[in-house]
C-alpha cells in the first residue's frame, strides 16, 4: 500500500515529500504534469487532478493513506469534498487534511470557511483523519525582499493584533509524521486535530524590529492599506483570489490569529521540538539575501 500526496509540486507538498524521503514507505505524488515534476528519488509520479473524479479513482488504486491539500481554486470546496468521498470509496484507511488556523472563526473569508466545511464532513462521516490547521506561513514574507532591502519597509498589512506565523518546514515535518503514523498502523486511527503555529505573536511593530535587527538597518511597517494590497495581488492573481486574501488580512487586522500556549505545546509535542520562530527565519533570509 502507499501514501498519495496531493498538491505535490507546491510549497507545502514539496516539504511533505522531502520529509517522507527515506521513510521506507511507498510514496506517490499526484500531479497534472508528471513530465515536468521533480521529486525525490523513489517517489512515483501519478498523473491526475482533484477536479477529475475518474482520474482520482484511478489514482486512489492501491492507496492506503492520503495527504489532501486542495488548491486555491474557485471550486476548492467541491474538489476537497469529492476527493474525500473518492478516498472513502477506495477504502483509504487514513487521511491527513490540510486546513487552516481559525477556520471556524473567520466565517467571512471564503477559503477559511471552505476548509472548515471540509472539516465538518470529516467529523460528520467519522473519517479516520488528522486535520492540520496552519497559520500564516513565515515563508510568505520572502516576497518582502525588495521592499525591505530597497526601501526599508515591511509591506504586508498584518496589523497590530498578532499572528502566530508558522514555518513551512515545520508544516511538512508535522504532515509527514502523521502520514507515517497512519500508514504504519494496522488499521484506521481516531481523528486528531493540530494547530500548526509559531511560538510568537508577530504584529506590525514586532515584525519591523525583527527585520531591522536581522538586516542591520532601519525598517518601518508599511501600514494597513488593504486597497493597495488587493490591487497588488490582482496583478498576479485572479480578482476573486485577491479579494479573498484581502478579507483574510482584514480579519488579521481586526482580530489577530494568536495561538494559545496549549496549542503551541501540542504542536511542539507532535514535532518533538519547539516550532521555529519568525526571528530565526528572518535571520536566515537576511543571511541569504546578503550573500546574494
C-alpha atoms as a PDB file:
ATOM      1  CA  UNK A   1       0.000   0.000   0.000  1.00  0.00           C
ATOM      2  CA  UNK A   2       1.067   3.611  -0.476  1.00  0.00           C
ATOM      3  CA  UNK A   3       0.806   7.241   0.625  1.00  0.00           C
ATOM      4  CA  UNK A   4      -0.618   9.587  -2.010  1.00  0.00           C
ATOM      5  CA  UNK A   5       0.407  13.252  -1.735  1.00  0.00           C
ATOM      6  CA  UNK A   6      -1.759  15.854  -3.480  1.00  0.00           C
ATOM      7  CA  UNK A   7      -0.577  19.419  -4.068  1.00  0.00           C
ATOM      8  CA  UNK A   8       2.758  17.720  -4.590  1.00  0.00           C
ATOM      9  CA  UNK A   9       4.549  20.421  -6.595  1.00  0.00           C
ATOM     10  CA  UNK A  10       3.601  23.357  -4.358  1.00  0.00           C
ATOM     11  CA  UNK A  11       5.403  24.811  -1.360  1.00  0.00           C
ATOM     12  CA  UNK A  12       3.731  22.517   1.183  1.00  0.00           C
ATOM     13  CA  UNK A  13       3.642  19.398  -0.986  1.00  0.00           C
ATOM     14  CA  UNK A  14       7.368  19.736  -1.632  1.00  0.00           C
ATOM     15  CA  UNK A  15       8.046  19.921   2.096  1.00  0.00           C
ATOM     16  CA  UNK A  16       5.866  16.880   2.768  1.00  0.00           C
ATOM     17  CA  UNK A  17       7.680  14.818   0.126  1.00  0.00           C
ATOM     18  CA  UNK A  18      11.076  15.910   1.455  1.00  0.00           C
ATOM     19  CA  UNK A  19      10.140  14.847   4.975  1.00  0.00           C
ATOM     20  CA  UNK A  20       8.800  11.496   3.743  1.00  0.00           C
ATOM     21  CA  UNK A  21      12.013  10.852   1.808  1.00  0.00           C
ATOM     22  CA  UNK A  22      13.910   7.879   3.219  1.00  0.00           C
ATOM     23  CA  UNK A  23      10.980   6.674   5.352  1.00  0.00           C
ATOM     24  CA  UNK A  24      10.861   3.281   3.647  1.00  0.00           C
ATOM     25  CA  UNK A  25       7.203   3.535   2.644  1.00  0.00           C
ATOM     26  CA  UNK A  26       5.848   3.776  -0.887  1.00  0.00           C
ATOM     27  CA  UNK A  27       5.079   7.397  -1.754  1.00  0.00           C
ATOM     28  CA  UNK A  28       3.119   8.589  -4.774  1.00  0.00           C
ATOM     29  CA  UNK A  29       2.713  12.205  -5.883  1.00  0.00           C
ATOM     30  CA  UNK A  30      -0.348  13.418  -7.773  1.00  0.00           C
ATOM     31  CA  UNK A  31       0.500  15.967 -10.452  1.00  0.00           C
ATOM     32  CA  UNK A  32      -1.129  17.328 -13.596  1.00  0.00           C
ATOM     33  CA  UNK A  33       2.225  17.303 -15.424  1.00  0.00           C
ATOM     34  CA  UNK A  34       4.377  14.298 -14.471  1.00  0.00           C
ATOM     35  CA  UNK A  35       6.839  15.115 -17.247  1.00  0.00           C
ATOM     36  CA  UNK A  36       7.714  18.428 -15.556  1.00  0.00           C
ATOM     37  CA  UNK A  37       7.628  17.419 -11.890  1.00  0.00           C
ATOM     38  CA  UNK A  38      10.864  16.999  -9.939  1.00  0.00           C
ATOM     39  CA  UNK A  39      10.518  14.750  -6.883  1.00  0.00           C
ATOM     40  CA  UNK A  40      12.885  12.936  -4.506  1.00  0.00           C
ATOM     41  CA  UNK A  41      14.192   9.619  -5.795  1.00  0.00           C
ATOM     42  CA  UNK A  42      11.717   6.832  -5.181  1.00  0.00           C
ATOM     43  CA  UNK A  43       8.571   8.956  -5.402  1.00  0.00           C
ATOM     44  CA  UNK A  44       6.162   7.622  -8.026  1.00  0.00           C
ATOM     45  CA  UNK A  45       4.559  10.237 -10.259  1.00  0.00           C
ATOM     46  CA  UNK A  46       0.812   9.827 -10.730  1.00  0.00           C
ATOM     47  CA  UNK A  47      -0.973  11.882 -13.365  1.00  0.00           C
ATOM     48  CA  UNK A  48      -4.160  13.426 -12.039  1.00  0.00           C
ATOM     49  CA  UNK A  49      -6.130  16.408 -10.840  1.00  0.00           C
ATOM     50  CA  UNK A  50      -8.556  16.820  -7.935  1.00  0.00           C
ATOM     51  CA  UNK A  51     -11.124  18.228 -10.370  1.00  0.00           C
ATOM     52  CA  UNK A  52     -11.098  14.966 -12.399  1.00  0.00           C
ATOM     53  CA  UNK A  53     -13.129  12.376 -10.485  1.00  0.00           C
ATOM     54  CA  UNK A  54     -12.388   9.495 -12.859  1.00  0.00           C
ATOM     55  CA  UNK A  55      -8.689  10.291 -12.724  1.00  0.00           C
ATOM     56  CA  UNK A  56      -8.874  10.421  -8.937  1.00  0.00           C
ATOM     57  CA  UNK A  57     -10.456   6.991  -8.832  1.00  0.00           C
ATOM     58  CA  UNK A  58      -7.540   5.614 -10.824  1.00  0.00           C
ATOM     59  CA  UNK A  59      -5.015   7.439  -8.639  1.00  0.00           C
ATOM     60  CA  UNK A  60      -6.539   6.021  -5.435  1.00  0.00           C
ATOM     61  CA  UNK A  61      -5.963   2.442  -6.551  1.00  0.00           C
ATOM     62  CA  UNK A  62      -3.600   0.864  -4.038  1.00  0.00           C
ATOM     63  CA  UNK A  63      -3.510   3.945  -1.786  1.00  0.00           C
ATOM     64  CA  UNK A  64      -3.895   3.447   1.956  1.00  0.00           C
ATOM     65  CA  UNK A  65      -3.080   6.952   3.258  1.00  0.00           C
ATOM     66  CA  UNK A  66      -3.872  10.307   1.663  1.00  0.00           C
ATOM     67  CA  UNK A  67      -2.420  13.782   2.123  1.00  0.00           C
ATOM     68  CA  UNK A  68      -5.168  16.110   0.943  1.00  0.00           C
ATOM     69  CA  UNK A  69      -4.237  19.667   0.031  1.00  0.00           C
ATOM     70  CA  UNK A  70      -6.879  21.268  -2.184  1.00  0.00           C
ATOM     71  CA  UNK A  71      -5.705  24.074  -4.489  1.00  0.00           C
ATOM     72  CA  UNK A  72      -6.567  27.767  -4.223  1.00  0.00           C
ATOM     73  CA  UNK A  73      -9.299  27.465  -6.824  1.00  0.00           C
ATOM     74  CA  UNK A  74     -12.818  28.809  -7.149  1.00  0.00           C
ATOM     75  CA  UNK A  75     -14.127  25.251  -6.678  1.00  0.00           C
ATOM     76  CA  UNK A  76     -11.697  24.285  -3.893  1.00  0.00           C
ATOM     77  CA  UNK A  77     -14.520  23.103  -1.621  1.00  0.00           C
ATOM     78  CA  UNK A  78     -16.047  20.841  -4.284  1.00  0.00           C
ATOM     79  CA  UNK A  79     -12.657  19.355  -5.130  1.00  0.00           C
ATOM     80  CA  UNK A  80     -11.875  18.603  -1.488  1.00  0.00           C
ATOM     81  CA  UNK A  81     -15.248  17.061  -0.663  1.00  0.00           C
ATOM     82  CA  UNK A  82     -15.219  14.886  -3.782  1.00  0.00           C
ATOM     83  CA  UNK A  83     -11.665  13.745  -3.116  1.00  0.00           C
ATOM     84  CA  UNK A  84     -12.605  12.629   0.389  1.00  0.00           C
ATOM     85  CA  UNK A  85     -15.585  10.731  -0.991  1.00  0.00           C
ATOM     86  CA  UNK A  86     -13.450   9.000  -3.609  1.00  0.00           C
ATOM     87  CA  UNK A  87     -10.880   8.120  -0.927  1.00  0.00           C
ATOM     88  CA  UNK A  88     -13.585   6.691   1.314  1.00  0.00           C
ATOM     89  CA  UNK A  89     -14.991   4.596  -1.553  1.00  0.00           C
ATOM     90  CA  UNK A  90     -11.456   3.334  -2.291  1.00  0.00           C
ATOM     91  CA  UNK A  91     -11.002   2.138   1.283  1.00  0.00           C
ATOM     92  CA  UNK A  92      -8.247   4.578   2.243  1.00  0.00           C
ATOM     93  CA  UNK A  93      -7.556   3.951   5.936  1.00  0.00           C
ATOM     94  CA  UNK A  94      -6.041   7.316   6.839  1.00  0.00           C
ATOM     95  CA  UNK A  95      -6.201  10.946   5.730  1.00  0.00           C
ATOM     96  CA  UNK A  96      -4.145  13.992   6.639  1.00  0.00           C
ATOM     97  CA  UNK A  97      -6.151  17.066   5.644  1.00  0.00           C
ATOM     98  CA  UNK A  98      -4.570  20.489   5.157  1.00  0.00           C
ATOM     99  CA  UNK A  99      -6.979  23.025   6.671  1.00  0.00           C
ATOM    100  CA  UNK A 100      -6.336  26.476   8.165  1.00  0.00           C
ATOM    101  CA  UNK A 101      -5.930  28.106  11.584  1.00  0.00           C
ATOM    102  CA  UNK A 102      -9.075  29.991  12.727  1.00  0.00           C
ATOM    103  CA  UNK A 103     -11.244  28.418  10.012  1.00  0.00           C
ATOM    104  CA  UNK A 104     -14.290  28.258  12.279  1.00  0.00           C
ATOM    105  CA  UNK A 105     -13.995  31.908  13.325  1.00  0.00           C
ATOM    106  CA  UNK A 106     -13.168  33.646  10.023  1.00  0.00           C
ATOM    107  CA  UNK A 107     -16.578  32.906   8.525  1.00  0.00           C
ATOM    108  CA  UNK A 108     -16.413  35.770   6.002  1.00  0.00           C
ATOM    109  CA  UNK A 109     -13.141  34.567   4.425  1.00  0.00           C
ATOM    110  CA  UNK A 110     -14.097  32.136   1.641  1.00  0.00           C
ATOM    111  CA  UNK A 111     -11.143  29.755   1.745  1.00  0.00           C
ATOM    112  CA  UNK A 112     -11.270  29.603   5.562  1.00  0.00           C
ATOM    113  CA  UNK A 113     -14.959  28.702   5.588  1.00  0.00           C
ATOM    114  CA  UNK A 114     -14.443  26.225   2.744  1.00  0.00           C
ATOM    115  CA  UNK A 115     -11.723  24.385   4.648  1.00  0.00           C
ATOM    116  CA  UNK A 116     -13.800  24.338   7.817  1.00  0.00           C
ATOM    117  CA  UNK A 117     -16.699  22.839   5.840  1.00  0.00           C
ATOM    118  CA  UNK A 118     -14.384  20.008   4.803  1.00  0.00           C
ATOM    119  CA  UNK A 119     -13.564  19.516   8.486  1.00  0.00           C
ATOM    120  CA  UNK A 120     -17.298  19.187   9.147  1.00  0.00           C
ATOM    121  CA  UNK A 121     -17.528  16.387   6.574  1.00  0.00           C
ATOM    122  CA  UNK A 122     -14.573  14.618   8.204  1.00  0.00           C
ATOM    123  CA  UNK A 123     -16.271  14.820  11.587  1.00  0.00           C
ATOM    124  CA  UNK A 124     -19.800  14.001  10.408  1.00  0.00           C
ATOM    125  CA  UNK A 125     -18.643  10.988   8.369  1.00  0.00           C
ATOM    126  CA  UNK A 126     -16.243   9.902  11.127  1.00  0.00           C
ATOM    127  CA  UNK A 127     -13.334   9.693   8.718  1.00  0.00           C
ATOM    128  CA  UNK A 128     -10.001   8.470  10.133  1.00  0.00           C
ATOM    129  CA  UNK A 129      -8.184  11.751   9.614  1.00  0.00           C
ATOM    130  CA  UNK A 130      -5.688  14.172  11.079  1.00  0.00           C
ATOM    131  CA  UNK A 131      -6.684  17.783  10.484  1.00  0.00           C
ATOM    132  CA  UNK A 132      -3.764  20.203  10.286  1.00  0.00           C
ATOM    133  CA  UNK A 133      -4.604  23.879  10.779  1.00  0.00           C
ATOM    134  CA  UNK A 134      -1.621  26.017   9.747  1.00  0.00           C
ATOM    135  CA  UNK A 135      -1.361  29.721  10.433  1.00  0.00           C
ATOM    136  CA  UNK A 136       0.105  32.275   8.002  1.00  0.00           C
ATOM    137  CA  UNK A 137       3.364  30.926   6.545  1.00  0.00           C
ATOM    138  CA  UNK A 138       6.521  32.815   7.500  1.00  0.00           C
ATOM    139  CA  UNK A 139       7.867  31.995   4.020  1.00  0.00           C
ATOM    140  CA  UNK A 140       5.156  34.198   2.508  1.00  0.00           C
ATOM    141  CA  UNK A 141       7.386  37.048   3.612  1.00  0.00           C
ATOM    142  CA  UNK A 142      10.181  36.043   1.261  1.00  0.00           C
ATOM    143  CA  UNK A 143       8.202  38.306  -1.101  1.00  0.00           C
ATOM    144  CA  UNK A 144       9.135  41.226   1.157  1.00  0.00           C
ATOM    145  CA  UNK A 145      12.768  41.077  -0.007  1.00  0.00           C
ATOM    146  CA  UNK A 146      12.608  44.032  -2.404  1.00  0.00           C
ATOM    147  CA  UNK A 147      10.664  46.442  -0.163  1.00  0.00           C
ATOM    148  CA  UNK A 148      12.847  45.539   2.811  1.00  0.00           C
ATOM    149  CA  UNK A 149      16.175  45.826   1.022  1.00  0.00           C
ATOM    150  CA  UNK A 150      15.304  48.729  -1.277  1.00  0.00           C
ATOM    151  CA  UNK A 151      13.067  50.897   0.893  1.00  0.00           C
ATOM    152  CA  UNK A 152      13.424  49.552   4.442  1.00  0.00           C
ATOM    153  CA  UNK A 153       9.700  48.787   4.509  1.00  0.00           C
ATOM    154  CA  UNK A 154       7.805  45.677   5.567  1.00  0.00           C
ATOM    155  CA  UNK A 155       4.837  45.812   3.227  1.00  0.00           C
ATOM    156  CA  UNK A 156       2.377  43.094   4.328  1.00  0.00           C
ATOM    157  CA  UNK A 157      -0.513  44.772   6.220  1.00  0.00           C
ATOM    158  CA  UNK A 158      -0.712  42.260   9.074  1.00  0.00           C
ATOM    159  CA  UNK A 159      -1.992  44.773  11.643  1.00  0.00           C
ATOM    160  CA  UNK A 160      -1.343  45.137  15.364  1.00  0.00           C
ATOM    161  CA  UNK A 161      -3.244  42.189  16.872  1.00  0.00           C
ATOM    162  CA  UNK A 162      -0.642  39.482  16.196  1.00  0.00           C
ATOM    163  CA  UNK A 163      -0.373  36.304  14.098  1.00  0.00           C
ATOM    164  CA  UNK A 164       1.303  33.065  15.230  1.00  0.00           C
ATOM    165  CA  UNK A 165       3.115  32.589  11.921  1.00  0.00           C
ATOM    166  CA  UNK A 166       4.433  29.097  11.135  1.00  0.00           C
ATOM    167  CA  UNK A 167       7.436  27.856   9.177  1.00  0.00           C
ATOM    168  CA  UNK A 168       6.548  25.640   6.187  1.00  0.00           C
ATOM    169  CA  UNK A 169       9.358  23.252   7.144  1.00  0.00           C
ATOM    170  CA  UNK A 170       7.527  22.557  10.396  1.00  0.00           C
ATOM    171  CA  UNK A 171       4.296  22.012   8.461  1.00  0.00           C
ATOM    172  CA  UNK A 172       5.981  19.441   6.215  1.00  0.00           C
ATOM    173  CA  UNK A 173       7.521  17.715   9.215  1.00  0.00           C
ATOM    174  CA  UNK A 174       4.185  17.508  11.047  1.00  0.00           C
ATOM    175  CA  UNK A 175       2.314  16.242   7.992  1.00  0.00           C
ATOM    176  CA  UNK A 176       4.907  13.563   7.300  1.00  0.00           C
ATOM    177  CA  UNK A 177       4.820  12.360  10.908  1.00  0.00           C
ATOM    178  CA  UNK A 178       1.051  11.958  10.831  1.00  0.00           C
ATOM    179  CA  UNK A 179       1.067  10.328   7.388  1.00  0.00           C
ATOM    180  CA  UNK A 180       3.631   7.773   8.518  1.00  0.00           C
ATOM    181  CA  UNK A 181       1.824   7.120  11.800  1.00  0.00           C
ATOM    182  CA  UNK A 182      -1.408   6.382   9.961  1.00  0.00           C
ATOM    183  CA  UNK A 183       0.288   4.444   7.162  1.00  0.00           C
ATOM    184  CA  UNK A 184       2.162   2.169   9.581  1.00  0.00           C
ATOM    185  CA  UNK A 185      -0.871   1.493  11.769  1.00  0.00           C
ATOM    186  CA  UNK A 186      -2.655  -1.839  11.386  1.00  0.00           C
ATOM    187  CA  UNK A 187      -5.969  -0.086  10.759  1.00  0.00           C
ATOM    188  CA  UNK A 188      -7.779   3.277  10.919  1.00  0.00           C
ATOM    189  CA  UNK A 189      -6.828   5.513  13.842  1.00  0.00           C
ATOM    190  CA  UNK A 190      -9.010   8.030  15.722  1.00  0.00           C
ATOM    191  CA  UNK A 191      -9.322  11.612  14.466  1.00  0.00           C
ATOM    192  CA  UNK A 192      -6.776  14.191  15.577  1.00  0.00           C
ATOM    193  CA  UNK A 193      -6.530  17.946  15.108  1.00  0.00           C
ATOM    194  CA  UNK A 194      -3.441  20.138  15.392  1.00  0.00           C
ATOM    195  CA  UNK A 195      -2.990  23.881  15.151  1.00  0.00           C
ATOM    196  CA  UNK A 196       0.282  24.423  13.286  1.00  0.00           C
ATOM    197  CA  UNK A 197       1.548  27.675  14.756  1.00  0.00           C
ATOM    198  CA  UNK A 198       4.707  29.540  15.582  1.00  0.00           C
ATOM    199  CA  UNK A 199       5.847  30.297  19.138  1.00  0.00           C
ATOM    200  CA  UNK A 200       5.390  34.094  18.907  1.00  0.00           C
ATOM    201  CA  UNK A 201       2.607  36.527  18.013  1.00  0.00           C
ATOM    202  CA  UNK A 202       4.011  38.614  15.155  1.00  0.00           C
ATOM    203  CA  UNK A 203       2.460  42.070  14.662  1.00  0.00           C
ATOM    204  CA  UNK A 204       3.326  45.304  12.905  1.00  0.00           C
ATOM    205  CA  UNK A 205       5.916  46.757  15.268  1.00  0.00           C
ATOM    206  CA  UNK A 206       7.411  43.397  16.200  1.00  0.00           C
ATOM    207  CA  UNK A 207       7.975  42.409  12.584  1.00  0.00           C
ATOM    208  CA  UNK A 208       9.629  45.754  11.803  1.00  0.00           C
ATOM    209  CA  UNK A 209      12.010  45.401  14.747  1.00  0.00           C
ATOM    210  CA  UNK A 210      12.862  41.794  13.842  1.00  0.00           C
ATOM    211  CA  UNK A 211      13.794  42.772  10.292  1.00  0.00           C
ATOM    212  CA  UNK A 212      15.704  45.835  11.478  1.00  0.00           C
ATOM    213  CA  UNK A 213      17.823  43.601  13.706  1.00  0.00           C
ATOM    214  CA  UNK A 214      18.297  40.950  11.015  1.00  0.00           C
ATOM    215  CA  UNK A 215      19.232  43.418   8.268  1.00  0.00           C
ATOM    216  CA  UNK A 216      21.107  45.909  10.404  1.00  0.00           C
ATOM    217  CA  UNK A 217      19.110  48.856   9.091  1.00  0.00           C
ATOM    218  CA  UNK A 218      16.047  50.907   9.915  1.00  0.00           C
ATOM    219  CA  UNK A 219      12.813  49.162   8.926  1.00  0.00           C
ATOM    220  CA  UNK A 220       9.299  50.567   9.227  1.00  0.00           C
ATOM    221  CA  UNK A 221       5.897  48.989   8.903  1.00  0.00           C
ATOM    222  CA  UNK A 222       4.173  49.961   5.651  1.00  0.00           C
ATOM    223  CA  UNK A 223       0.692  50.390   7.136  1.00  0.00           C
ATOM    224  CA  UNK A 224      -2.715  48.729   6.989  1.00  0.00           C
ATOM    225  CA  UNK A 225      -3.830  49.779   3.490  1.00  0.00           C
ATOM    226  CA  UNK A 226      -5.969  46.904   2.162  1.00  0.00           C
ATOM    227  CA  UNK A 227      -6.890  48.680  -1.079  1.00  0.00           C
ATOM    228  CA  UNK A 228      -3.231  48.732  -2.030  1.00  0.00           C
ATOM    229  CA  UNK A 229      -2.823  45.073  -1.061  1.00  0.00           C
ATOM    230  CA  UNK A 230      -5.761  43.987  -3.207  1.00  0.00           C
ATOM    231  CA  UNK A 231      -4.527  45.914  -6.237  1.00  0.00           C
ATOM    232  CA  UNK A 232      -1.045  44.468  -5.855  1.00  0.00           C
ATOM    233  CA  UNK A 233      -2.405  40.924  -5.619  1.00  0.00           C
ATOM    234  CA  UNK A 234      -4.660  41.402  -8.647  1.00  0.00           C
ATOM    235  CA  UNK A 235      -1.556  41.968 -10.764  1.00  0.00           C
ATOM    236  CA  UNK A 236      -0.574  38.325 -10.200  1.00  0.00           C
ATOM    237  CA  UNK A 237      -3.794  36.502  -9.260  1.00  0.00           C
ATOM    238  CA  UNK A 238      -7.498  36.368 -10.201  1.00  0.00           C
ATOM    239  CA  UNK A 239      -9.644  39.133  -8.736  1.00  0.00           C
ATOM    240  CA  UNK A 240     -11.662  36.685  -6.614  1.00  0.00           C
ATOM    241  CA  UNK A 241      -8.477  35.332  -5.009  1.00  0.00           C
ATOM    242  CA  UNK A 242      -7.081  38.818  -4.403  1.00  0.00           C
ATOM    243  CA  UNK A 243     -10.334  39.744  -2.643  1.00  0.00           C
ATOM    244  CA  UNK A 244     -10.235  36.522  -0.601  1.00  0.00           C
ATOM    245  CA  UNK A 245      -6.721  37.442   0.579  1.00  0.00           C
ATOM    246  CA  UNK A 246      -7.903  40.971   1.390  1.00  0.00           C
ATOM    247  CA  UNK A 247     -10.693  39.568   3.560  1.00  0.00           C
ATOM    248  CA  UNK A 248      -8.205  37.333   5.355  1.00  0.00           C
ATOM    249  CA  UNK A 249      -5.862  40.223   6.057  1.00  0.00           C
ATOM    250  CA  UNK A 250      -8.789  42.337   7.234  1.00  0.00           C
ATOM    251  CA  UNK A 251      -9.609  39.703   9.859  1.00  0.00           C
ATOM    252  CA  UNK A 252      -5.962  39.574  10.899  1.00  0.00           C
ATOM    253  CA  UNK A 253      -6.126  43.332  11.454  1.00  0.00           C
ATOM    254  CA  UNK A 254      -9.443  43.160  13.327  1.00  0.00           C
ATOM    255  CA  UNK A 255      -8.968  40.038  15.443  1.00  0.00           C
ATOM    256  CA  UNK A 256      -5.477  38.655  15.004  1.00  0.00           C
ATOM    257  CA  UNK A 257      -4.668  34.950  14.872  1.00  0.00           C
ATOM    258  CA  UNK A 258      -2.773  34.223  18.066  1.00  0.00           C
ATOM    259  CA  UNK A 259      -2.325  30.662  19.276  1.00  0.00           C
ATOM    260  CA  UNK A 260      -2.802  29.631  22.867  1.00  0.00           C
ATOM    261  CA  UNK A 261       0.025  28.207  24.956  1.00  0.00           C
ATOM    262  CA  UNK A 262      -1.687  24.809  24.860  1.00  0.00           C
ATOM    263  CA  UNK A 263      -1.896  24.867  21.044  1.00  0.00           C
ATOM    264  CA  UNK A 264       1.800  25.711  20.731  1.00  0.00           C
ATOM    265  CA  UNK A 265       2.749  22.985  23.199  1.00  0.00           C
ATOM    266  CA  UNK A 266       0.624  20.385  21.406  1.00  0.00           C
ATOM    267  CA  UNK A 267       2.325  21.238  18.097  1.00  0.00           C
ATOM    268  CA  UNK A 268       5.739  21.014  19.777  1.00  0.00           C
ATOM    269  CA  UNK A 269       4.829  17.561  21.087  1.00  0.00           C
ATOM    270  CA  UNK A 270       3.972  16.417  17.553  1.00  0.00           C
ATOM    271  CA  UNK A 271       7.281  17.771  16.220  1.00  0.00           C
ATOM    272  CA  UNK A 272       9.329  16.508  19.150  1.00  0.00           C
ATOM    273  CA  UNK A 273      10.844  20.011  19.460  1.00  0.00           C
ATOM    274  CA  UNK A 274       9.721  23.658  19.628  1.00  0.00           C
ATOM    275  CA  UNK A 275       8.420  25.129  16.359  1.00  0.00           C
ATOM    276  CA  UNK A 276      10.751  27.515  14.532  1.00  0.00           C
ATOM    277  CA  UNK A 277      10.434  31.217  15.285  1.00  0.00           C
ATOM    278  CA  UNK A 278       9.894  34.119  12.883  1.00  0.00           C
ATOM    279  CA  UNK A 279      13.094  35.715  14.185  1.00  0.00           C
ATOM    280  CA  UNK A 280      15.118  32.663  13.120  1.00  0.00           C
ATOM    281  CA  UNK A 281      13.512  32.795   9.674  1.00  0.00           C
ATOM    282  CA  UNK A 282      14.331  36.492   9.296  1.00  0.00           C
ATOM    283  CA  UNK A 283      17.951  35.908  10.246  1.00  0.00           C
ATOM    284  CA  UNK A 284      18.234  33.061   7.732  1.00  0.00           C
ATOM    285  CA  UNK A 285      16.742  35.157   4.939  1.00  0.00           C
ATOM    286  CA  UNK A 286      18.895  38.168   5.760  1.00  0.00           C
ATOM    287  CA  UNK A 287      21.997  35.985   5.509  1.00  0.00           C
ATOM    288  CA  UNK A 288      20.880  34.549   2.164  1.00  0.00           C
ATOM    289  CA  UNK A 289      19.980  37.962   0.743  1.00  0.00           C
ATOM    290  CA  UNK A 290      23.265  39.457   1.876  1.00  0.00           C
ATOM    291  CA  UNK A 291      25.245  36.710   0.145  1.00  0.00           C
ATOM    292  CA  UNK A 292      23.089  37.080  -2.966  1.00  0.00           C
END
